Amino acid sequence: MSQHSAVIPDAILDASGLNCPEPVMMLHNKVRDLAPGGLLKVIATDPSTRRDIPKFCMFLDHQLVEQSEEGGVYLYWIRKKAE
């Protein structure tokens, strides 16, 4: 069990069943609505998110706190930059 599984995120984005580029497009909108420093949990099933979400975070200066994969489900914990 990860260290963040007990942490309650400020928001959850469930992008299960969606394929590239939809999860990242949804992530972009969700992060925009999040308060600075807020924690977002992303649930995805598209393997390309393993590449796309870390790039998204790096490009926009958000912190990818953790990522994991379990049975074809990819989980990401993203902390929005503090502006």
Protein backbone atom coordinates (compact mmCIF):
# COMPACT_ATOMS: atom_id res chain seq x y z
CA MET A 1 0.00 0.00 0.00
CA SER A 2 1.38 3.40 -0.94
CA GLN A 3 2.05 6.24 1.43
CA HIS A 4 -0.64 8.35 -0.27
CA SER A 5 -3.48 5.84 -0.11
CA ALA A 6 -4.47 7.27 3.28
CA VAL A 7 -4.25 10.86 2.05
CA ILE A 8 -7.51 12.42 0.91
CA PRO A 9 -6.95 14.27 -2.37
CA ASP A 10 -8.60 17.64 -2.99
CA ALA A 11 -10.06 16.27 -6.22
CA ILE A 12 -10.23 13.00 -8.16
CA LEU A 13 -10.18 12.64 -11.93
CA ASP A 14 -11.44 9.28 -13.15
CA ALA A 15 -10.30 8.90 -16.76
CA SER A 16 -10.90 5.12 -16.82
CA GLY A 17 -11.79 3.80 -20.27
CA LEU A 18 -10.57 6.92 -22.05
CA ASN A 19 -7.70 6.90 -24.52
CA CYS A 20 -5.08 9.46 -25.45
CA PRO A 21 -5.44 12.43 -25.65
CA GLU A 22 -8.64 12.56 -23.55
CA PRO A 23 -7.11 11.80 -20.09
CA VAL A 24 -4.55 14.61 -20.44
CA MET A 25 -7.15 17.05 -21.81
CA MET A 26 -9.38 16.28 -18.82
CA LEU A 27 -6.38 16.58 -16.50
CA HIS A 28 -5.59 20.02 -17.89
CA ASN A 29 -9.12 21.25 -17.10
CA LYS A 30 -9.21 19.63 -13.66
CA VAL A 31 -5.85 21.07 -12.59
CA ARG A 32 -6.97 24.53 -13.70
CA ASP A 33 -9.92 24.36 -11.27
CA LEU A 34 -7.73 23.13 -8.40
CA ALA A 35 -6.43 25.54 -5.75
CA PRO A 36 -2.66 26.19 -5.83
CA GLY A 37 -0.89 23.43 -3.92
CA GLY A 38 -3.97 21.18 -4.21
CA LEU A 39 -3.61 17.43 -4.56
CA LEU A 40 -5.27 15.62 -7.44
CA LYS A 41 -5.64 11.87 -7.78
CA VAL A 42 -5.92 10.62 -11.35
CA ILE A 43 -7.26 7.16 -12.24
CA ALA A 44 -6.58 6.00 -15.79
CA THR A 45 -6.56 2.80 -17.84
CA ASP A 46 -4.65 4.03 -20.90
CA PRO A 47 -0.99 2.88 -20.74
CA SER A 48 0.11 5.99 -22.67
CA THR A 49 -0.66 8.03 -19.54
CA ARG A 50 2.58 6.61 -18.09
CA ARG A 51 4.37 8.81 -20.60
CA ASP A 52 1.89 11.66 -21.02
CA ILE A 53 1.09 12.55 -17.41
CA PRO A 54 4.72 12.87 -16.20
CA LYS A 55 5.43 15.04 -19.28
CA PHE A 56 2.36 17.16 -18.53
CA CYS A 57 3.55 17.72 -14.95
CA MET A 58 7.09 18.54 -15.98
CA PHE A 59 5.99 20.92 -18.73
CA LEU A 60 3.55 22.83 -16.49
CA ASP A 61 5.68 22.63 -13.35
CA HIS A 62 3.27 20.54 -11.27
CA GLN A 63 4.67 17.90 -8.92
CA LEU A 64 4.05 14.25 -9.77
CA VAL A 65 4.08 13.03 -6.18
CA GLU A 66 3.53 9.38 -6.97
CA GLN A 67 2.45 7.03 -9.73
CA SER A 68 1.56 3.38 -9.53
CA GLU A 69 0.00 0.64 -11.62
CA GLU A 70 -2.19 -2.18 -10.42
CA GLY A 71 -3.97 -4.61 -12.70
CA GLY A 72 -4.07 -2.28 -15.69
CA VAL A 73 -5.19 0.73 -13.65
CA TYR A 74 -2.76 3.63 -13.44
CA LEU A 75 -2.87 5.97 -10.45
CA TYR A 76 -1.22 9.37 -10.29
CA TRP A 77 -0.99 11.86 -7.43
CA ILE A 78 -0.34 15.35 -8.71
CA ARG A 79 0.26 18.44 -6.60
CA LYS A 80 -0.58 21.65 -8.42
CA LYS A 81 2.20 24.21 -8.40
CA ALA A 82 1.79 26.86 -5.74
CA GLU A 83 1.61 29.65 -8.39
